Amino acid sequence: MELSDDALVLVAIMPKPRDLDIARLLGWYRIPLKSAPKILHPDAIAFYQTSSFGKGHRSQIECYAEVAGVELTTRAELFRDEPDHPRAHEEYYKIQLRGIQQLAHPILADEWKRFTFFYTTGSRIKSADTIRGLAMNARERGDLWRILRERQETYGSASGSPADPVPEEVPQELLFLLGNLSLSGLDL
């Protein structure tokens, strides 16, 4: 998949190399329901690799995947070989993926490395050198909210159930609550 400039991209944590292997080989990524963005129907997911990826691959985004679908399930269903896991009965979103794609160049964390999820665009993913470069300007945030409103009207909340509409003018404090941790609103 060639990432279009106007694609809605969710930047998400890829905690361990095993999780990247699951995404590559089995074609899915998981997000705990309790920490998921409220609107969860992006075109693609870009994966931020944590320190567990080791020198040369940690604290950066090297790849992304097109989203093929979203379903709600339990951890026990995702990992049938771990029925006694402490979170086995917790709900997770299983994000179905259409292949992992390498970026032309990695997007480095620079000095900022802590976030859960945030949205950006395909054009930002293709042009950014650092996480700070994924930040949306005021005009782009307006476009982002328009896209999120459309996705919410089409799909409802992340769980697929009807949700209250996103207001036309969204206060900055609400950006965090809706899962848009837009970096441009943060003092890095």
Protein backbone atom coordinates (compact mmCIF):
# COMPACT_ATOMS: atom_id res chain seq x y z
CA MET A 1 0.00 0.00 0.00
CA GLU A 2 1.31 3.39 -0.95
CA LEU A 3 0.33 5.71 1.88
CA SER A 4 -1.74 8.59 0.51
CA ASP A 5 -1.02 12.10 1.78
CA ASP A 6 -4.51 12.46 3.26
CA ALA A 7 -4.55 9.02 4.95
CA LEU A 8 -5.56 9.05 8.60
CA VAL A 9 -2.67 7.40 10.44
CA LEU A 10 -2.74 6.24 14.03
CA VAL A 11 0.71 6.26 15.61
CA ALA A 12 0.77 3.41 18.12
CA ILE A 13 3.26 1.73 20.41
CA MET A 14 4.84 -1.53 19.23
CA PRO A 15 5.98 -2.80 22.64
CA LYS A 16 8.13 -5.79 21.70
CA PRO A 17 9.69 -7.46 18.67
CA ARG A 18 7.29 -10.38 19.25
CA ASP A 19 4.38 -8.00 18.64
CA LEU A 20 5.91 -6.90 15.35
CA ASP A 21 6.33 -10.56 14.38
CA ILE A 22 2.62 -11.12 15.10
CA ALA A 23 1.73 -8.13 12.93
CA ARG A 24 3.94 -9.40 10.08
CA LEU A 25 3.07 -13.08 10.24
CA LEU A 26 -0.51 -13.14 11.53
CA GLY A 27 -1.64 -9.76 10.21
CA TRP A 28 -3.02 -8.14 13.36
CA TYR A 29 -2.17 -5.68 16.13
CA ARG A 30 -3.91 -5.37 19.49
CA ILE A 31 -4.97 -2.38 21.56
CA PRO A 32 -6.45 -2.78 25.06
CA LEU A 33 -10.01 -1.43 25.13
CA LYS A 34 -9.27 0.54 28.29
CA SER A 35 -6.54 2.61 26.62
CA ALA A 36 -7.77 2.74 23.01
CA PRO A 37 -8.60 5.97 21.21
CA LYS A 38 -12.33 6.67 21.23
CA ILE A 39 -12.48 6.81 17.45
CA LEU A 40 -10.56 3.87 16.02
CA HIS A 41 -10.92 3.52 12.26
CA PRO A 42 -7.66 4.81 10.76
CA ASP A 43 -6.47 4.07 7.24
CA ALA A 44 -3.09 2.93 8.57
CA ILE A 45 -1.10 2.42 11.75
CA ALA A 46 2.51 3.56 12.14
CA PHE A 47 4.39 1.58 14.78
CA TYR A 48 6.62 3.30 17.33
CA GLN A 49 9.21 0.76 18.48
CA THR A 50 10.14 0.83 22.17
CA SER A 51 13.55 0.29 23.77
CA SER A 52 12.97 -3.48 23.69
CA PHE A 53 13.86 -3.37 19.96
CA GLY A 54 17.49 -2.70 20.86
CA LYS A 55 20.14 -0.38 19.54
CA GLY A 56 19.53 0.82 16.02
CA HIS A 57 15.77 0.08 16.10
CA ARG A 58 14.49 1.49 19.39
CA SER A 59 12.68 4.78 19.87
CA GLN A 60 11.64 5.18 16.26
CA ILE A 61 9.01 4.41 13.65
CA GLU A 62 10.32 2.16 10.88
CA CYS A 63 7.11 0.70 9.47
CA TYR A 64 3.36 1.05 9.05
CA ALA A 65 0.47 -1.10 7.89
CA GLU A 66 -2.85 -0.49 6.16
CA VAL A 67 -5.85 -1.24 8.39
CA ALA A 68 -8.20 -3.86 6.96
CA GLY A 69 -10.69 -4.01 9.85
CA VAL A 70 -11.30 -3.69 13.57
CA GLU A 71 -12.99 -6.15 15.92
CA LEU A 72 -13.46 -6.42 19.66
CA THR A 73 -12.27 -9.62 21.33
CA THR A 74 -10.49 -10.82 24.47
CA ARG A 75 -6.81 -11.40 25.07
CA ALA A 76 -7.61 -15.09 25.63
CA GLU A 77 -8.97 -15.29 22.07
CA LEU A 78 -5.89 -13.56 20.70
CA PHE A 79 -3.43 -15.70 22.66
CA ARG A 80 -5.06 -19.10 23.10
CA ASP A 81 -1.81 -20.53 24.45
CA GLU A 82 -1.97 -18.08 27.42
CA PRO A 83 -5.35 -18.90 29.06
CA ASP A 84 -4.04 -18.06 32.55
CA HIS A 85 -2.59 -14.67 31.65
CA PRO A 86 -3.64 -12.00 34.22
CA ARG A 87 -5.40 -10.01 31.46
CA ALA A 88 -6.78 -13.03 29.58
CA HIS A 89 -10.41 -11.91 29.97
CA GLU A 90 -9.85 -8.22 29.26
CA GLU A 91 -11.21 -6.81 26.02
CA TYR A 92 -8.88 -5.81 23.20
CA TYR A 93 -9.31 -4.37 19.74
CA LYS A 94 -7.86 -6.67 17.12
CA ILE A 95 -6.77 -4.47 14.26
CA GLN A 96 -6.48 -6.51 11.06
CA LEU A 97 -3.58 -5.39 8.88
CA ARG A 98 -2.79 -5.60 5.17
CA GLY A 99 0.96 -6.17 5.30
CA ILE A 100 3.76 -4.29 6.99
CA GLN A 101 5.48 -1.62 4.88
CA GLN A 102 8.90 -0.14 5.60
CA LEU A 103 9.23 3.63 5.61
CA ALA A 104 11.79 5.17 3.27
CA HIS A 105 13.61 6.41 6.38
CA PRO A 106 12.90 5.92 10.12
CA ILE A 107 11.16 8.62 12.14
CA LEU A 108 13.26 9.12 15.26
CA ALA A 109 11.88 9.95 18.68
CA ASP A 110 14.62 12.46 19.35
CA GLU A 111 14.25 13.53 23.00
CA TRP A 112 10.50 12.83 23.23
CA LYS A 113 9.59 9.17 23.75
CA ARG A 114 6.41 8.88 25.82
CA PHE A 115 2.91 8.72 24.36
CA THR A 116 0.10 6.23 24.00
CA PHE A 117 -1.60 7.00 20.67
CA PHE A 118 -2.00 9.99 18.43
CA TYR A 119 -3.24 10.73 14.92
CA THR A 120 -1.35 12.24 12.03
CA THR A 121 -1.55 12.12 8.24
CA GLY A 122 0.15 10.17 5.51
CA SER A 123 1.96 13.29 4.30
CA ARG A 124 3.43 13.83 7.76
CA ILE A 125 4.54 10.18 8.01
CA LYS A 126 6.28 10.44 4.64
CA SER A 127 8.07 13.73 5.39
CA ALA A 128 8.90 13.65 9.12
CA ASP A 129 12.41 12.94 10.38
CA THR A 130 11.40 13.03 14.06
CA ILE A 131 8.24 12.46 16.08
CA ARG A 132 8.00 16.23 16.45
CA GLY A 133 7.62 16.37 12.65
CA LEU A 134 4.37 14.40 12.92
CA ALA A 135 2.74 17.37 14.69
CA MET A 136 -0.27 18.85 12.99
CA ASN A 137 -0.58 22.60 12.35
CA ALA A 138 -3.86 24.44 12.97
CA ARG A 139 -5.23 23.88 9.45
CA GLU A 140 -4.30 20.20 9.51
CA ARG A 141 -5.94 19.73 12.92
CA GLY A 142 -9.16 21.08 11.42
CA ASP A 143 -8.88 18.55 8.58
CA LEU A 144 -8.10 15.82 11.12
CA TRP A 145 -11.23 16.61 13.14
CA ARG A 146 -13.32 16.61 9.97
CA ILE A 147 -12.00 13.13 9.12
CA LEU A 148 -12.57 11.89 12.69
CA ARG A 149 -16.15 13.24 12.64
CA GLU A 150 -16.79 11.44 9.36
CA ARG A 151 -15.33 8.19 10.71
CA GLN A 152 -17.42 8.48 13.85
CA GLU A 153 -20.59 9.04 11.81
CA THR A 154 -19.74 6.03 9.65
CA TYR A 155 -18.49 3.61 12.30
CA GLY A 156 -19.63 5.04 15.66
CA SER A 157 -17.24 4.81 18.58
CA ALA A 158 -14.19 2.53 18.57
CA SER A 159 -16.44 -0.33 19.62
CA GLY A 160 -18.69 0.27 16.64
CA SER A 161 -21.59 1.36 18.83
CA PRO A 162 -23.30 4.70 18.27
CA ALA A 163 -21.48 7.58 19.87
CA ASP A 164 -22.14 11.23 20.50
CA PRO A 165 -21.00 13.38 17.59
CA VAL A 166 -17.67 15.20 17.78
CA PRO A 167 -18.44 18.91 18.15
CA GLU A 168 -17.46 21.27 15.32
CA GLU A 169 -15.12 23.22 17.62
CA VAL A 170 -13.12 20.81 19.75
CA PRO A 171 -11.42 22.22 22.86
CA GLN A 172 -7.70 21.44 23.20
CA GLU A 173 -8.36 19.49 26.43
CA LEU A 174 -10.63 17.13 24.50
CA LEU A 175 -7.88 16.22 22.04
CA PHE A 176 -6.35 13.95 24.66
CA LEU A 177 -9.62 12.34 25.66
CA LEU A 178 -10.56 11.43 22.10
CA GLY A 179 -7.24 9.78 21.40
CA ASN A 180 -5.77 12.58 19.29
CA LEU A 181 -2.57 13.26 21.14
CA SER A 182 -1.52 15.74 18.53
CA LEU A 183 2.06 16.68 19.25
CA SER A 184 1.60 20.25 18.11
CA GLY A 185 -0.40 20.97 21.27
CA LEU A 186 2.36 19.71 23.54
CA ASP A 187 5.36 21.66 24.76
CA LEU A 188 8.21 19.37 23.81
